[in-house]
Amino acid sequence: MKFGAPDRIPFREWLGFWGTTLERWRKEGMPGDAPVEKVFGFDRARGVPVNVAIAPGWDEEILSEDDKTETVRVHDGGICRRFKDGSYSMPQFIRFPIETRDDWEDFKKRLNPKSPCRYPLYWDDELRVFQGREYPISINGGSLFGWIRGWMGLEGACMALLTDKAWVEEMMEFITDFVIETITPALEQIPDIDYATLWEDMAYKTASLIAPKYVKELMVPRYKRITEVLRKHGIEIILLDCDGNHDELTPLWLESGINGVYPLEIAAGEDPVALRKKYGKDLLMIGGMDKRVLSRGKSEIKQEVMSKVPWLLEQGGYIPSVDHAVPADVPYENYLYYIGLLREVVGA
């Protein structure tokens, strides 16, 4: 990630696997008594256990059900309808916990940076574990629009931008203060955190969910506050997780001090080779291996890997990974071939 000359490239899946994928693979011969990290020989990485989620959350509650679906109040207070079989699919969102300013006033009480749940009970033990480690650790830098979209729904968040932009700005400012205050003790006590991650998921297949002008006006200044705190504490690798096509957002993230993106969703038009040519060493990248290809033949898998990975590794600033969680249409044999080929290329 620093365009240096490492002994080898990190070897892991950044966004993991569907649960139904692992169920299929166990039927096809994958050991069922070992974690996937051990089965596939993935490198170790760990997040610093600082909790930036809402707290307390709601207890999950089934409100109604039929033969195939259940309507549930979930952890963040929203109500959704989902399949009972646990299949990896988008639920039907019915209601969200924030619809009015009064809802927000009550909800933000769950974003208390001083809550005792923010740090593990035996935090000193965690600090000792991090000393002398030989694996990378990261810290969660939060989310701005992504969190608000989750709490209000996309329609609610977009309508708020149009009808009460000052309220959205107030929420983003509150979130920024909350994240900085929550993570600062960890930054001060762990001097060698390797990277930070943020999350947004604010793009469709072809473009941003909101106009870039809102990102520039409302989000860039607050991202800068967060990234400045991270860099003050020695973190130079700041990655943002966003699905979809984020081409119009990437320059704004770079302006904000965010210098890396993942998972580079190929179905949405992201192209790590084109991005490297466009941004040079300004942009760090993870992902870009088309998950759809893994369900096809070995020749197509080889073409996917060899047409991108060797050149990108030669340029630097890139770690290969599937461009989202590996879906259940991928045969176990195909995935074994893919990671075997990738292991040869990256030198793992």
Protein backbone atom coordinates (compact mmCIF):
# COMPACT_ATOMS: atom_id res chain seq x y z
CA MET A 1 0.00 0.00 0.00
CA LYS A 2 3.03 2.31 0.20
CA PHE A 3 4.35 1.41 -3.27
CA GLY A 4 7.38 -0.24 -1.71
CA ALA A 5 8.95 -3.66 -2.25
CA PRO A 6 7.24 -6.11 0.15
CA ASP A 7 8.37 -9.70 0.47
CA ARG A 8 4.90 -10.67 -0.78
CA ILE A 9 1.37 -9.33 -1.16
CA PRO A 10 -1.24 -9.81 1.61
CA PHE A 11 -3.43 -12.84 0.91
CA ARG A 12 -7.04 -12.76 2.15
CA GLU A 13 -10.65 -12.05 1.12
CA TRP A 14 -11.64 -8.59 2.28
CA LEU A 15 -15.40 -9.07 2.23
CA GLY A 16 -15.68 -12.79 2.89
CA PHE A 17 -18.36 -15.21 1.74
CA TRP A 18 -22.10 -15.67 1.82
CA GLY A 19 -23.21 -18.11 4.51
CA THR A 20 -24.95 -20.15 1.81
CA THR A 21 -21.65 -20.29 -0.11
CA LEU A 22 -19.90 -21.97 2.80
CA GLU A 23 -22.84 -24.35 3.25
CA ARG A 24 -22.49 -25.40 -0.39
CA TRP A 25 -18.75 -25.81 -0.15
CA ARG A 26 -19.00 -28.06 2.90
CA LYS A 27 -21.21 -30.35 0.82
CA GLU A 28 -18.58 -30.24 -1.92
CA GLY A 29 -15.68 -31.21 0.30
CA MET A 30 -14.56 -28.17 2.28
CA PRO A 31 -13.64 -29.14 5.86
CA GLY A 32 -16.48 -28.28 8.18
CA ASP A 33 -14.46 -28.21 11.39
CA ALA A 34 -12.03 -25.38 10.59
CA PRO A 35 -12.41 -21.63 10.03
CA VAL A 36 -12.11 -20.47 6.44
CA GLU A 37 -8.94 -18.55 7.30
CA LYS A 38 -7.23 -21.82 8.10
CA VAL A 39 -8.79 -23.76 5.22
CA PHE A 40 -7.55 -21.27 2.64
CA GLY A 41 -4.40 -20.08 4.40
CA PHE A 42 -5.45 -16.44 4.62
CA ASP A 43 -3.20 -13.92 6.32
CA ARG A 44 -4.18 -12.61 9.70
CA ALA A 45 -5.54 -9.08 10.17
CA ARG A 46 -7.58 -7.59 12.97
CA GLY A 47 -9.61 -4.52 13.80
CA VAL A 48 -8.99 -2.63 17.02
CA PRO A 49 -12.10 -3.47 19.12
CA VAL A 50 -13.55 0.02 19.45
CA ASN A 51 -17.34 -0.01 19.14
CA VAL A 52 -18.78 2.85 17.04
CA ALA A 53 -22.20 1.25 16.59
CA ILE A 54 -25.39 2.60 18.13
CA ALA A 55 -25.69 1.51 21.76
CA PRO A 56 -27.87 0.23 23.07
CA GLY A 57 -29.46 -1.21 19.97
CA TRP A 58 -32.93 -2.65 19.81
CA ASP A 59 -33.55 -6.29 20.65
CA GLU A 60 -34.52 -8.14 17.49
CA GLU A 61 -38.26 -8.83 17.51
CA ILE A 62 -40.43 -10.77 15.07
CA LEU A 63 -43.55 -8.67 14.48
CA SER A 64 -45.32 -10.98 12.01
CA GLU A 65 -44.57 -13.92 9.73
CA ASP A 66 -45.89 -16.19 7.02
CA ASP A 67 -44.63 -19.46 5.55
CA LYS A 68 -41.60 -17.93 3.82
CA THR A 69 -40.96 -14.51 5.36
CA GLU A 70 -40.85 -12.70 8.67
CA THR A 71 -41.27 -9.03 9.50
CA VAL A 72 -38.69 -8.03 12.07
CA ARG A 73 -37.56 -5.05 14.10
CA VAL A 74 -33.77 -5.23 13.74
CA HIS A 75 -30.84 -4.03 15.83
CA ASP A 76 -30.83 -0.44 14.52
CA GLY A 77 -34.56 0.04 15.18
CA GLY A 78 -35.72 -0.36 11.60
CA ILE A 79 -38.46 -2.75 10.49
CA CYS A 80 -37.91 -5.04 7.53
CA ARG A 81 -39.36 -8.14 5.87
CA ARG A 82 -36.92 -10.90 5.01
CA PHE A 83 -36.82 -14.55 3.99
CA LYS A 84 -36.77 -17.07 6.82
CA ASP A 85 -34.24 -19.37 5.15
CA GLY A 86 -31.36 -16.97 5.81
CA SER A 87 -30.59 -16.57 2.12
CA TYR A 88 -28.29 -13.70 1.20
CA SER A 89 -30.78 -11.22 -0.23
CA MET A 90 -31.85 -7.65 0.36
CA PRO A 91 -34.73 -7.37 2.83
CA GLN A 92 -37.79 -5.26 2.12
CA PHE A 93 -37.39 -2.14 4.24
CA ILE A 94 -40.67 -1.01 5.75
CA ARG A 95 -39.85 1.62 8.35
CA PHE A 96 -36.77 3.38 9.69
CA PRO A 97 -35.98 4.67 13.19
CA ILE A 98 -35.46 8.30 12.12
CA GLU A 99 -38.29 10.05 10.31
CA THR A 100 -38.43 13.39 12.15
CA ARG A 101 -36.12 15.71 14.06
CA ASP A 102 -37.67 14.45 17.29
CA ASP A 103 -36.71 10.91 16.28
CA TRP A 104 -33.13 12.11 15.76
CA GLU A 105 -33.00 13.81 19.15
CA ASP A 106 -33.92 10.51 20.78
CA PHE A 107 -31.79 8.35 18.48
CA LYS A 108 -28.55 10.29 18.96
CA LYS A 109 -28.56 9.38 22.63
CA ARG A 110 -27.41 5.98 21.38
CA LEU A 111 -24.27 7.63 19.96
CA ASN A 112 -22.64 8.42 23.29
CA PRO A 113 -18.84 8.24 22.97
CA LYS A 114 -18.56 7.80 26.74
CA SER A 115 -20.76 4.71 26.82
CA PRO A 116 -19.00 1.86 28.66
CA CYS A 117 -19.60 -0.40 25.67
CA ARG A 118 -17.18 1.53 23.45
CA TYR A 119 -14.07 -0.26 24.71
CA PRO A 120 -13.66 -3.88 25.90
CA LEU A 121 -13.85 -4.47 29.64
CA TYR A 122 -10.27 -5.76 29.68
CA TRP A 123 -8.83 -3.10 27.39
CA ASP A 124 -5.37 -3.32 28.99
CA ASP A 125 -5.17 -6.95 27.90
CA GLU A 126 -5.98 -5.91 24.32
CA LEU A 127 -3.19 -3.32 24.41
CA ARG A 128 -0.69 -5.98 25.49
CA VAL A 129 -1.79 -8.28 22.66
CA PHE A 130 -1.16 -5.57 20.07
CA GLN A 131 2.43 -5.03 21.22
CA GLY A 132 5.00 -6.92 19.16
CA ARG A 133 2.41 -8.37 16.79
CA GLU A 134 3.34 -9.52 13.28
CA TYR A 135 0.04 -8.79 11.56
CA PRO A 136 -1.74 -5.56 10.55
CA ILE A 137 -4.47 -3.92 12.60
CA SER A 138 -7.06 -1.35 11.58
CA ILE A 139 -9.47 1.08 13.19
CA ASN A 140 -13.02 1.96 12.16
CA GLY A 141 -13.38 5.56 10.99
CA GLY A 142 -17.17 5.43 10.77
CA SER A 143 -19.55 6.63 8.07
CA LEU A 144 -21.48 9.77 7.18
CA PHE A 145 -24.14 9.32 4.51
CA GLY A 146 -24.04 5.51 4.77
CA TRP A 147 -25.10 5.52 8.42
CA ILE A 148 -27.75 8.19 7.85
CA ARG A 149 -29.15 6.23 4.89
CA GLY A 150 -29.35 3.15 7.10
CA TRP A 151 -31.20 5.06 9.84
CA MET A 152 -33.56 7.03 7.57
CA GLY A 153 -33.79 4.93 4.42
CA LEU A 154 -32.53 6.18 1.08
CA GLU A 155 -35.74 8.04 0.27
CA GLY A 156 -35.88 9.64 3.71
CA ALA A 157 -32.23 10.70 3.60
CA CYS A 158 -32.57 12.18 0.10
CA MET A 159 -35.78 14.03 0.98
CA ALA A 160 -34.06 15.46 4.06
CA LEU A 161 -31.22 16.73 1.85
CA LEU A 162 -33.75 18.51 -0.37
CA THR A 163 -36.08 19.87 2.30
CA ASP A 164 -33.89 20.36 5.39
CA LYS A 165 -30.23 20.24 4.40
CA ALA A 166 -29.24 21.95 7.65
CA TRP A 167 -30.59 18.95 9.57
CA VAL A 168 -28.50 16.51 7.51
CA GLU A 169 -25.46 18.69 8.09
CA GLU A 170 -26.21 18.70 11.82
CA MET A 171 -26.36 14.88 11.82
CA MET A 172 -23.08 14.60 9.92
CA GLU A 173 -21.40 17.02 12.30
CA PHE A 174 -22.67 15.05 15.28
CA ILE A 175 -21.42 11.78 13.75
CA THR A 176 -18.01 13.31 13.07
CA ASP A 177 -17.66 14.51 16.66
CA PHE A 178 -18.82 11.11 17.91
CA VAL A 179 -16.36 9.11 15.80
CA ILE A 180 -13.38 11.31 16.66
CA GLU A 181 -14.12 11.32 20.39
CA THR A 182 -14.74 7.56 20.42
CA ILE A 183 -11.61 6.42 18.58
CA THR A 184 -9.11 8.98 19.93
CA PRO A 185 -8.23 7.03 23.13
CA ALA A 186 -7.30 4.02 20.98
CA LEU A 187 -5.26 6.19 18.62
CA GLU A 188 -3.39 7.66 21.57
CA GLN A 189 -2.70 4.30 23.22
CA ILE A 190 -1.80 2.24 20.13
CA PRO A 191 0.89 4.17 18.26
CA ASP A 192 1.26 1.77 15.32
CA ILE A 193 -2.20 1.16 13.87
CA ASP A 194 -1.62 0.21 10.23
CA TYR A 195 -4.73 1.49 8.47
CA ALA A 196 -8.23 2.88 8.93
CA THR A 197 -11.46 1.90 7.23
CA LEU A 198 -14.61 3.90 6.52
CA TRP A 199 -17.88 2.67 5.01
CA GLU A 200 -20.38 4.38 2.76
CA ASP A 201 -22.08 2.17 0.11
CA MET A 202 -23.46 5.30 -1.49
CA ALA A 203 -23.45 4.40 -5.19
CA TYR A 204 -25.81 2.69 -7.59
CA LYS A 205 -24.61 0.53 -10.48
CA THR A 206 -23.91 3.64 -12.56
CA ALA A 207 -23.53 6.67 -10.28
CA SER A 208 -23.66 8.17 -6.81
CA LEU A 209 -26.82 7.91 -4.71
CA ILE A 210 -26.66 11.67 -4.08
CA ALA A 211 -25.38 14.58 -6.11
CA PRO A 212 -21.62 15.08 -5.71
CA LYS A 213 -22.29 18.71 -4.77
CA TYR A 214 -23.74 17.48 -1.47
CA VAL A 215 -20.71 15.28 -0.90
CA LYS A 216 -18.38 18.22 -1.49
CA GLU A 217 -20.36 20.63 0.66
CA LEU A 218 -21.37 18.43 3.57
CA MET A 219 -19.08 15.42 3.67
CA VAL A 220 -15.64 16.52 2.45
CA PRO A 221 -15.05 18.99 5.34
CA ARG A 222 -16.05 16.34 7.90
CA TYR A 223 -14.04 13.58 6.26
CA LYS A 224 -11.09 15.96 6.46
CA ARG A 225 -11.58 16.33 10.20
CA ILE A 226 -11.53 12.55 10.63
CA THR A 227 -8.58 11.90 8.31
CA GLU A 228 -6.55 14.69 9.90
CA VAL A 229 -6.98 13.03 13.29
CA LEU A 230 -5.97 9.67 11.83
CA ARG A 231 -2.85 11.10 10.17
CA LYS A 232 -1.94 13.00 13.32
CA HIS A 233 -1.64 9.56 14.93
CA GLY A 234 0.45 8.09 12.14
CA ILE A 235 -2.19 6.38 10.00
CA GLU A 236 -1.41 7.04 6.35
CA ILE A 237 -3.55 4.31 4.76
CA ILE A 238 -7.23 5.33 4.91
CA LEU A 239 -9.57 3.05 2.98
CA LEU A 240 -13.25 3.49 2.12
CA ASP A 241 -15.64 0.61 1.39
CA CYS A 242 -18.22 1.52 -1.24
CA ASP A 243 -20.06 -0.75 -3.66
CA GLY A 244 -21.39 0.39 -7.02
CA ASN A 245 -19.90 2.90 -9.43
CA HIS A 246 -18.14 5.61 -7.43
CA ASP A 247 -16.17 7.23 -10.24
CA GLU A 248 -17.66 10.67 -9.59
CA LEU A 249 -17.03 10.32 -5.85
CA THR A 250 -13.42 9.11 -5.94
CA PRO A 251 -11.87 12.58 -6.55
CA LEU A 252 -13.88 13.95 -3.60
CA TRP A 253 -12.66 11.16 -1.34
CA LEU A 254 -9.08 11.90 -2.35
CA GLU A 255 -9.68 15.58 -1.60
CA SER A 256 -10.94 14.50 1.83
CA GLY A 257 -7.76 12.62 2.73
CA ILE A 258 -9.19 9.18 1.98
CA ASN A 259 -6.61 7.54 -0.26
CA GLY A 260 -7.92 4.00 -0.83
CA VAL A 261 -11.07 2.31 -2.14
CA TYR A 262 -12.51 -1.19 -2.17
CA PRO A 263 -13.99 -3.60 -3.32
CA LEU A 264 -14.05 -2.17 -6.91
CA GLU A 265 -17.24 -3.81 -8.14
CA ILE A 266 -16.72 -4.87 -11.75
CA ALA A 267 -20.46 -5.29 -12.51
CA ALA A 268 -20.85 -1.58 -11.71
CA GLY A 269 -18.13 -0.54 -14.14
CA GLU A 270 -15.20 -0.14 -11.76
CA ASP A 271 -11.89 -1.11 -13.38
CA PRO A 272 -8.72 -1.24 -11.26
CA VAL A 273 -6.45 -1.09 -14.31
CA ALA A 274 -8.16 2.06 -15.60
CA LEU A 275 -8.16 3.59 -12.12
CA ARG A 276 -4.42 3.03 -11.73
CA LYS A 277 -3.76 4.64 -15.08
CA LYS A 278 -5.97 7.59 -14.18
CA TYR A 279 -4.83 8.25 -10.60
CA GLY A 280 -1.30 6.85 -10.52
CA LYS A 281 0.03 6.55 -6.99
CA ASP A 282 -2.61 8.83 -5.50
CA LEU A 283 -5.13 5.99 -5.14
CA LEU A 284 -4.77 2.72 -3.21
CA MET A 285 -6.99 -0.16 -4.29
CA ILE A 286 -8.23 -3.50 -2.99
CA GLY A 287 -10.48 -5.94 -4.85
CA GLY A 288 -11.45 -5.88 -8.50
CA MET A 289 -11.71 -9.67 -9.07
CA ASP A 290 -15.10 -10.19 -10.73
CA LYS A 291 -17.14 -12.53 -8.50
CA ARG A 292 -19.32 -13.50 -11.48
CA VAL A 293 -16.35 -15.05 -13.28
CA LEU A 294 -15.73 -17.48 -10.42
CA SER A 295 -18.87 -19.42 -11.33
CA ARG A 296 -17.57 -20.04 -14.86
CA GLY A 297 -14.75 -22.17 -16.27
CA LYS A 298 -11.12 -22.22 -15.20
CA SER A 299 -9.95 -20.56 -18.40
CA GLU A 300 -12.15 -17.54 -17.68
CA ILE A 301 -10.93 -17.41 -14.08
CA LYS A 302 -7.34 -17.45 -15.29
CA GLN A 303 -8.05 -14.68 -17.77
CA GLU A 304 -9.63 -12.56 -15.02
CA VAL A 305 -6.61 -12.93 -12.74
CA MET A 306 -3.81 -12.72 -15.29
CA SER A 307 -5.27 -9.78 -17.22
CA LYS A 308 -5.19 -7.60 -14.11
CA VAL A 309 -3.20 -8.80 -11.13
CA PRO A 310 0.41 -9.11 -12.44
CA TRP A 311 0.37 -5.60 -13.96
CA LEU A 312 -1.35 -4.05 -10.95
CA LEU A 313 1.11 -5.64 -8.53
CA GLU A 314 3.98 -4.34 -10.62
CA GLN A 315 2.57 -0.82 -10.28
CA GLY A 316 2.06 -1.20 -6.51
CA GLY A 317 -0.61 0.10 -4.17
CA TYR A 318 -2.95 -2.81 -4.93
CA ILE A 319 -4.16 -5.95 -3.13
CA PRO A 320 -6.27 -8.44 -5.11
CA SER A 321 -9.56 -9.69 -3.67
CA VAL A 322 -13.01 -10.65 -4.93
CA ASP A 323 -15.12 -7.56 -5.60
CA HIS A 324 -17.64 -8.42 -2.86
CA ALA A 325 -18.65 -11.42 -0.74
CA VAL A 326 -18.22 -14.64 -2.74
CA PRO A 327 -21.73 -15.79 -3.79
CA ALA A 328 -23.24 -19.27 -3.61
CA ASP A 329 -23.15 -19.95 -7.35
CA VAL A 330 -19.36 -20.43 -7.13
CA PRO A 331 -18.32 -24.12 -6.98
CA TYR A 332 -15.76 -25.04 -4.33
CA GLU A 333 -13.48 -26.47 -7.01
CA ASN A 334 -13.51 -23.16 -8.88
CA TYR A 335 -12.64 -21.16 -5.79
CA LEU A 336 -9.77 -23.51 -4.95
CA TYR A 337 -8.43 -23.01 -8.48
CA TYR A 338 -8.81 -19.23 -8.18
CA ILE A 339 -6.97 -18.90 -4.88
CA GLY A 340 -4.30 -21.37 -5.99
CA LEU A 341 -3.62 -19.25 -9.05
CA LEU A 342 -3.74 -16.06 -7.03
CA ARG A 343 -1.34 -17.51 -4.45
CA GLU A 344 1.20 -18.18 -7.19
CA VAL A 345 0.89 -14.66 -8.57
CA VAL A 346 1.14 -12.82 -5.25
CA GLY A 347 3.87 -15.10 -3.84
CA ALA A 348 1.86 -16.18 -0.78
